[in-house]
């Protein structure tokens, strides 16, 4: 788990990319949130030209640049089963959305099964 600042659509952060491409690990593609997609649309700017799915965003760095990005990952060992995953980024109407007012990174989580 961590904050490797790996942005796959921009092609940077090669050390983090190497750690996520090991045959012993795998990047989970499914952590997503409706709040990330809503924020990208509402904030506009660079978010409207990003190539990745806005639901996969994990951080809101603000506008005008760089906007919302997917930079936080959980990279489990390959034998582990993914049971559930997500990004804590509620839509604006959710009462819990206020909990994301201060940090720029959102909590990214994965439930894993062993065996």
Protein backbone atom coordinates (compact mmCIF):
# COMPACT_ATOMS: atom_id res chain seq x y z
CA UNK A 1 0.00 0.00 0.00
CA UNK A 2 1.24 3.43 -0.61
CA UNK A 3 1.47 6.66 -2.46
CA UNK A 4 3.80 5.97 -5.39
CA UNK A 5 2.41 8.90 -7.42
CA UNK A 6 2.16 6.51 -10.37
CA UNK A 7 0.07 8.09 -13.12
CA UNK A 8 -0.36 5.49 -15.87
CA UNK A 9 -1.84 7.84 -18.46
CA UNK A 10 1.10 10.25 -18.18
CA UNK A 11 3.92 7.68 -18.39
CA UNK A 12 5.96 8.94 -15.46
CA UNK A 13 7.07 7.49 -12.11
CA UNK A 14 9.06 4.62 -13.62
CA UNK A 15 10.38 3.22 -10.25
CA UNK A 16 6.81 2.84 -9.02
CA UNK A 17 5.79 1.37 -12.37
CA UNK A 18 8.49 -1.32 -12.04
CA UNK A 19 7.25 -2.34 -8.57
CA UNK A 20 3.70 -2.64 -9.87
CA UNK A 21 4.67 -4.77 -12.88
CA UNK A 22 6.33 -7.61 -10.96
CA UNK A 23 4.82 -11.07 -11.63
CA UNK A 24 4.52 -11.46 -7.84
CA UNK A 25 2.21 -8.47 -7.50
CA UNK A 26 -0.72 -6.92 -9.35
CA UNK A 27 -2.34 -3.52 -9.48
CA UNK A 28 -6.04 -3.59 -8.71
CA UNK A 29 -7.92 -1.79 -11.47
CA UNK A 30 -11.28 -1.70 -9.75
CA UNK A 31 -11.00 0.76 -6.82
CA UNK A 32 -13.26 3.57 -7.90
CA UNK A 33 -15.82 6.05 -6.62
CA UNK A 34 -18.79 8.00 -7.88
CA UNK A 35 -17.45 11.05 -6.01
CA UNK A 36 -14.27 11.12 -8.11
CA UNK A 37 -16.30 11.14 -11.33
CA UNK A 38 -18.63 13.83 -10.00
CA UNK A 39 -15.73 16.02 -8.82
CA UNK A 40 -13.95 15.76 -12.18
CA UNK A 41 -17.08 16.89 -14.00
CA UNK A 42 -17.89 19.72 -11.56
CA UNK A 43 -14.32 21.04 -11.37
CA UNK A 44 -13.73 20.83 -15.12
CA UNK A 45 -10.42 22.19 -16.34
CA UNK A 46 -7.73 19.55 -16.87
CA UNK A 47 -10.09 16.87 -15.56
CA UNK A 48 -12.03 17.05 -18.81
CA UNK A 49 -8.97 16.17 -20.91
CA UNK A 50 -7.50 13.36 -18.80
CA UNK A 51 -7.34 10.05 -20.67
CA UNK A 52 -8.16 7.81 -17.70
CA UNK A 53 -11.56 6.95 -16.24
CA UNK A 54 -12.43 9.76 -13.77
CA UNK A 55 -14.02 7.19 -11.41
CA UNK A 56 -10.50 5.85 -10.72
CA UNK A 57 -9.22 9.14 -9.28
CA UNK A 58 -7.64 8.93 -5.83
CA UNK A 59 -6.43 12.51 -5.30
CA UNK A 60 -7.74 16.03 -5.89
CA UNK A 61 -4.76 18.28 -6.50
CA UNK A 62 -6.90 21.18 -7.63
CA UNK A 63 -7.23 23.22 -10.71
CA UNK A 64 -5.96 24.68 -13.00
CA UNK A 65 -3.31 21.90 -12.87
CA UNK A 66 -2.96 18.98 -12.52
CA UNK A 67 -6.55 18.27 -11.43
CA UNK A 68 -7.78 14.93 -10.09
CA UNK A 69 -5.48 11.95 -10.64
CA UNK A 70 -5.13 8.27 -9.81
CA UNK A 71 -1.90 8.17 -7.81
CA UNK A 72 -2.60 5.90 -4.80
CA UNK A 73 -2.60 2.12 -5.04
CA UNK A 74 -2.87 -1.10 -3.10
CA UNK A 75 -0.64 -3.65 -4.81
CA UNK A 76 -1.30 -7.09 -3.27
CA UNK A 77 0.61 -10.31 -3.78
CA UNK A 78 -0.62 -12.15 -6.86
CA UNK A 79 -2.08 -15.18 -4.99
CA UNK A 80 -4.45 -13.05 -2.89
CA UNK A 81 -8.12 -12.82 -3.91
CA UNK A 82 -9.67 -9.37 -4.19
CA UNK A 83 -12.98 -9.47 -2.31
CA UNK A 84 -13.82 -5.76 -2.50
CA UNK A 85 -12.21 -2.42 -3.20
CA UNK A 86 -12.91 1.28 -3.40
CA UNK A 87 -11.85 4.85 -2.92
CA UNK A 88 -13.45 6.89 -0.14
CA UNK A 89 -14.69 9.80 -2.23
CA UNK A 90 -18.41 10.27 -1.61
CA UNK A 91 -20.55 12.40 -3.92
CA UNK A 92 -21.10 15.99 -2.75
CA UNK A 93 -24.65 15.28 -1.49
CA UNK A 94 -23.42 12.54 0.88
CA UNK A 95 -23.07 13.82 4.50
CA UNK A 96 -19.67 12.06 4.70
CA UNK A 97 -18.25 14.16 1.84
CA UNK A 98 -17.15 16.78 4.38
CA UNK A 99 -14.51 14.31 5.62
CA UNK A 100 -12.58 14.82 2.38
CA UNK A 101 -12.35 18.61 2.73
CA UNK A 102 -8.78 18.74 4.04
CA UNK A 103 -6.58 16.06 2.43
CA UNK A 104 -5.82 15.97 -1.27
CA UNK A 105 -5.48 12.15 -1.27
CA UNK A 106 -8.52 9.92 -0.73
CA UNK A 107 -8.45 6.67 1.24
CA UNK A 108 -7.95 3.75 -1.13
CA UNK A 109 -8.85 0.31 0.19
CA UNK A 110 -8.92 -3.33 -0.88
CA UNK A 111 -10.40 -6.29 1.01
CA UNK A 112 -8.29 -9.37 0.35
CA UNK A 113 -8.91 -13.08 0.77
CA UNK A 114 -6.04 -15.43 1.48
CA UNK A 115 -6.02 -18.97 0.15
